[in-house]
N, C-alpha and C. Protein backbone atom coordinates (compact mmCIF):
# COMPACT_ATOMS: atom_id res chain seq x y z
N MET A 1 0.88 -1.15 -0.01
CA MET A 1 -0.04 0.01 -0.02
C MET A 1 0.89 1.22 0.01
N ASP A 2 0.51 2.17 -0.76
CA ASP A 2 1.34 3.40 -0.81
C ASP A 2 0.59 4.53 -0.13
N PRO A 3 1.36 5.60 0.26
CA PRO A 3 0.72 6.73 0.98
C PRO A 3 -0.50 7.36 0.26
N LYS A 4 -0.37 7.48 -1.03
CA LYS A 4 -1.53 8.06 -1.79
C LYS A 4 -2.85 7.25 -1.62
N GLU A 5 -2.69 5.91 -1.54
CA GLU A 5 -3.88 5.10 -1.34
C GLU A 5 -4.52 5.33 0.03
N ILE A 6 -3.61 5.49 1.06
CA ILE A 6 -4.12 5.76 2.37
C ILE A 6 -4.80 7.12 2.43
N GLU A 7 -4.15 8.14 1.84
CA GLU A 7 -4.75 9.49 1.76
C GLU A 7 -6.17 9.39 1.11
N ALA A 8 -6.24 8.69 0.00
CA ALA A 8 -7.55 8.61 -0.70
C ALA A 8 -8.59 7.94 0.21
N LYS A 9 -8.18 6.85 0.91
CA LYS A 9 -9.11 6.15 1.71
C LYS A 9 -9.65 6.98 2.91
N LEU A 10 -8.69 7.69 3.49
CA LEU A 10 -9.07 8.54 4.62
C LEU A 10 -9.95 9.76 4.11
N SER A 11 -9.60 10.33 3.01
CA SER A 11 -10.31 11.46 2.45
C SER A 11 -11.76 11.08 2.07
N ALA A 12 -11.90 9.83 1.62
CA ALA A 12 -13.24 9.36 1.19
C ALA A 12 -14.11 9.04 2.41
N ALA A 13 -13.51 8.64 3.50
CA ALA A 13 -14.22 8.28 4.65
C ALA A 13 -14.52 9.38 5.75
N LEU A 14 -13.65 10.40 5.70
CA LEU A 14 -13.74 11.43 6.71
C LEU A 14 -13.81 12.83 6.06
N PRO A 15 -14.39 13.79 6.75
CA PRO A 15 -14.46 15.16 6.18
C PRO A 15 -13.18 15.91 6.43
N LEU A 16 -12.09 15.54 5.74
CA LEU A 16 -10.79 16.07 5.95
C LEU A 16 -10.58 17.37 5.04
N GLU A 17 -10.05 18.35 5.63
CA GLU A 17 -9.66 19.56 4.84
C GLU A 17 -8.24 19.28 4.21
N GLU A 18 -7.41 18.67 4.96
CA GLU A 18 -6.07 18.27 4.46
C GLU A 18 -5.74 16.95 5.04
N CYS A 19 -4.91 16.28 4.27
CA CYS A 19 -4.46 14.88 4.68
C CYS A 19 -3.08 14.65 4.03
N PHE A 20 -2.13 14.32 4.84
CA PHE A 20 -0.78 14.07 4.36
C PHE A 20 -0.38 12.68 4.95
N VAL A 21 0.10 11.77 4.06
CA VAL A 21 0.56 10.48 4.57
C VAL A 21 1.94 10.30 3.90
N LYS A 22 2.89 9.81 4.78
CA LYS A 22 4.20 9.48 4.25
C LYS A 22 4.55 8.13 4.91
N GLY A 23 5.47 7.49 4.32
CA GLY A 23 5.97 6.20 4.88
C GLY A 23 6.24 5.22 3.79
N GLU A 24 6.72 4.05 4.17
CA GLU A 24 7.05 3.02 3.23
C GLU A 24 6.92 1.64 3.88
N GLY A 25 6.88 0.65 3.03
CA GLY A 25 6.65 -0.71 3.62
C GLY A 25 5.29 -0.76 4.26
N ASN A 26 5.25 -1.00 5.58
CA ASN A 26 3.95 -1.04 6.26
C ASN A 26 3.96 -0.09 7.42
N HIS A 27 4.85 0.94 7.45
CA HIS A 27 4.95 1.98 8.49
C HIS A 27 4.62 3.32 7.84
N PHE A 28 3.63 4.02 8.44
CA PHE A 28 3.16 5.28 7.87
C PHE A 28 2.90 6.33 8.95
N GLN A 29 3.03 7.54 8.53
CA GLN A 29 2.75 8.72 9.38
C GLN A 29 1.58 9.46 8.70
N VAL A 30 0.56 9.86 9.49
CA VAL A 30 -0.60 10.53 9.01
C VAL A 30 -0.67 11.92 9.70
N ILE A 31 -0.87 12.94 8.88
CA ILE A 31 -1.33 14.28 9.48
C ILE A 31 -2.68 14.49 8.89
N ALA A 32 -3.67 14.72 9.71
CA ALA A 32 -5.04 14.87 9.25
C ALA A 32 -5.57 16.21 9.86
N VAL A 33 -6.22 17.00 8.95
CA VAL A 33 -6.84 18.28 9.43
C VAL A 33 -8.30 18.20 9.16
N SER A 34 -9.13 18.47 10.20
CA SER A 34 -10.59 18.47 10.07
C SER A 34 -11.22 19.21 11.14
N GLU A 35 -12.26 20.00 10.83
CA GLU A 35 -13.04 20.67 11.78
C GLU A 35 -13.76 19.68 12.73
N SER A 36 -13.99 18.50 12.21
CA SER A 36 -14.68 17.43 12.95
C SER A 36 -13.90 17.02 14.19
N PHE A 37 -12.57 17.30 14.25
CA PHE A 37 -11.73 16.93 15.37
C PHE A 37 -11.94 17.86 16.58
N ALA A 38 -12.60 19.05 16.39
CA ALA A 38 -12.81 20.00 17.45
C ALA A 38 -13.68 19.34 18.54
N GLY A 39 -13.21 19.47 19.76
CA GLY A 39 -13.89 18.93 20.86
C GLY A 39 -13.69 17.41 21.10
N MET A 40 -12.98 16.76 20.24
CA MET A 40 -12.73 15.33 20.38
C MET A 40 -11.42 15.13 21.21
N SER A 41 -11.40 14.12 22.03
CA SER A 41 -10.13 13.77 22.69
C SER A 41 -9.12 13.22 21.70
N ARG A 42 -7.84 13.23 22.01
CA ARG A 42 -6.83 12.65 21.15
C ARG A 42 -7.17 11.20 20.77
N VAL A 43 -7.66 10.45 21.75
CA VAL A 43 -7.99 9.02 21.51
C VAL A 43 -9.16 8.95 20.48
N LYS A 44 -10.21 9.81 20.60
CA LYS A 44 -11.26 9.78 19.63
C LYS A 44 -10.84 10.20 18.27
N GLN A 45 -9.88 11.17 18.15
CA GLN A 45 -9.36 11.56 16.92
C GLN A 45 -8.64 10.41 16.27
N GLN A 46 -7.84 9.73 17.00
CA GLN A 46 -7.09 8.63 16.46
C GLN A 46 -7.99 7.48 16.02
N GLN A 47 -8.99 7.22 16.82
CA GLN A 47 -9.95 6.18 16.48
C GLN A 47 -10.68 6.50 15.20
N ALA A 48 -11.02 7.76 15.00
CA ALA A 48 -11.65 8.19 13.75
C ALA A 48 -10.78 7.91 12.59
N ILE A 49 -9.46 8.10 12.74
CA ILE A 49 -8.54 7.88 11.60
C ILE A 49 -8.27 6.38 11.35
N TYR A 50 -8.13 5.64 12.50
CA TYR A 50 -7.99 4.22 12.40
C TYR A 50 -9.13 3.49 11.71
N ALA A 51 -10.35 3.93 11.96
CA ALA A 51 -11.54 3.25 11.56
C ALA A 51 -11.56 2.91 10.03
N PRO A 52 -11.30 3.81 9.10
CA PRO A 52 -11.33 3.43 7.71
C PRO A 52 -10.20 2.51 7.30
N LEU A 53 -9.23 2.34 8.16
CA LEU A 53 -8.02 1.50 7.78
C LEU A 53 -7.97 0.18 8.53
N THR A 54 -9.08 -0.22 9.18
CA THR A 54 -9.05 -1.42 10.05
C THR A 54 -8.74 -2.71 9.22
N GLU A 55 -9.24 -2.77 7.94
CA GLU A 55 -8.90 -3.99 7.16
C GLU A 55 -7.38 -4.05 6.87
N GLU A 56 -6.81 -2.95 6.52
CA GLU A 56 -5.38 -2.94 6.24
C GLU A 56 -4.52 -3.23 7.46
N ILE A 57 -4.98 -2.70 8.61
CA ILE A 57 -4.26 -2.99 9.83
C ILE A 57 -4.40 -4.45 10.16
N ALA A 58 -5.58 -4.98 10.07
CA ALA A 58 -5.80 -6.43 10.40
C ALA A 58 -4.93 -7.35 9.48
N ALA A 59 -4.88 -6.95 8.19
CA ALA A 59 -4.15 -7.73 7.23
C ALA A 59 -2.58 -7.48 7.31
N ASN A 60 -2.24 -6.60 8.22
CA ASN A 60 -0.83 -6.20 8.41
C ASN A 60 -0.23 -5.44 7.17
N THR A 61 -1.10 -5.01 6.31
CA THR A 61 -0.70 -4.07 5.19
C THR A 61 -0.17 -2.86 5.80
N ILE A 62 -0.80 -2.40 6.89
CA ILE A 62 -0.29 -1.30 7.70
C ILE A 62 0.04 -1.85 9.06
N HIS A 63 1.31 -1.81 9.34
CA HIS A 63 1.77 -2.40 10.70
C HIS A 63 1.84 -1.27 11.72
N ALA A 64 2.38 -0.17 11.32
CA ALA A 64 2.53 0.94 12.32
C ALA A 64 1.95 2.22 11.67
N LEU A 65 1.23 2.96 12.49
CA LEU A 65 0.49 4.15 12.05
C LEU A 65 0.70 5.25 13.09
N SER A 66 1.48 6.25 12.75
CA SER A 66 1.61 7.44 13.60
C SER A 66 0.58 8.47 13.16
N ILE A 67 -0.12 9.03 14.12
CA ILE A 67 -1.29 9.96 13.70
C ILE A 67 -1.03 11.27 14.40
N LYS A 68 -1.16 12.34 13.65
CA LYS A 68 -1.28 13.68 14.22
C LYS A 68 -2.54 14.28 13.63
N ALA A 69 -3.46 14.61 14.52
CA ALA A 69 -4.77 15.16 14.07
C ALA A 69 -4.88 16.62 14.55
N PHE A 70 -5.40 17.47 13.73
CA PHE A 70 -5.50 18.90 14.02
C PHE A 70 -6.80 19.43 13.54
N THR A 71 -7.30 20.47 14.26
CA THR A 71 -8.40 21.26 13.69
C THR A 71 -7.69 22.25 12.73
N PRO A 72 -8.48 22.89 11.82
CA PRO A 72 -7.83 23.88 10.94
C PRO A 72 -7.15 25.01 11.77
N GLU A 73 -7.67 25.40 12.87
CA GLU A 73 -7.06 26.44 13.71
C GLU A 73 -5.75 25.98 14.28
N GLN A 74 -5.70 24.72 14.77
CA GLN A 74 -4.51 24.13 15.34
C GLN A 74 -3.47 23.98 14.23
N TRP A 75 -3.95 23.59 13.02
CA TRP A 75 -3.02 23.33 11.96
C TRP A 75 -2.31 24.66 11.51
N GLN A 76 -3.05 25.79 11.53
CA GLN A 76 -2.40 27.07 11.16
C GLN A 76 -1.27 27.36 12.11
N LYS A 77 -1.37 26.97 13.36
CA LYS A 77 -0.31 27.25 14.35
C LYS A 77 0.82 26.15 14.21
N GLU A 78 0.45 24.88 13.92
CA GLU A 78 1.35 23.81 14.00
C GLU A 78 2.07 23.47 12.68
N LYS A 79 1.53 23.84 11.54
CA LYS A 79 2.02 23.35 10.22
C LYS A 79 3.47 23.68 10.02
N ILE A 80 3.92 24.80 10.51
CA ILE A 80 5.30 25.14 10.30
C ILE A 80 6.27 24.10 10.99
N PHE A 81 5.79 23.48 12.03
CA PHE A 81 6.57 22.41 12.72
C PHE A 81 6.35 21.01 12.16
N ASN A 82 5.20 20.85 11.42
CA ASN A 82 4.82 19.55 11.06
C ASN A 82 4.72 19.35 9.51
N GLN A 83 5.31 20.34 8.74
CA GLN A 83 5.17 20.32 7.36
C GLN A 83 5.71 18.99 6.76
N PRO A 84 4.92 18.36 5.94
CA PRO A 84 5.35 17.06 5.33
C PRO A 84 6.47 17.38 4.37
N SER A 85 7.44 16.55 4.39
CA SER A 85 8.61 16.77 3.46
C SER A 85 8.40 16.10 2.15
């Protein structure tokens, strides 16, 4: 699975304003930006991102997933430190 496939799957399942995925093999990092994350705990944000990928995680297509979730307001402050390379 490549990062673009994961981005597409997350964008189709969630109301994301921005989504960046990088990684290789079966280890990936996700940065997701959505207004829907406002008021959610970190755990709930991560569960929302894991949900569309449960099949890939169960099949070990994705072994490790690092998640950073932001609201658009948080992203404006944080993107300078988290810009995908």
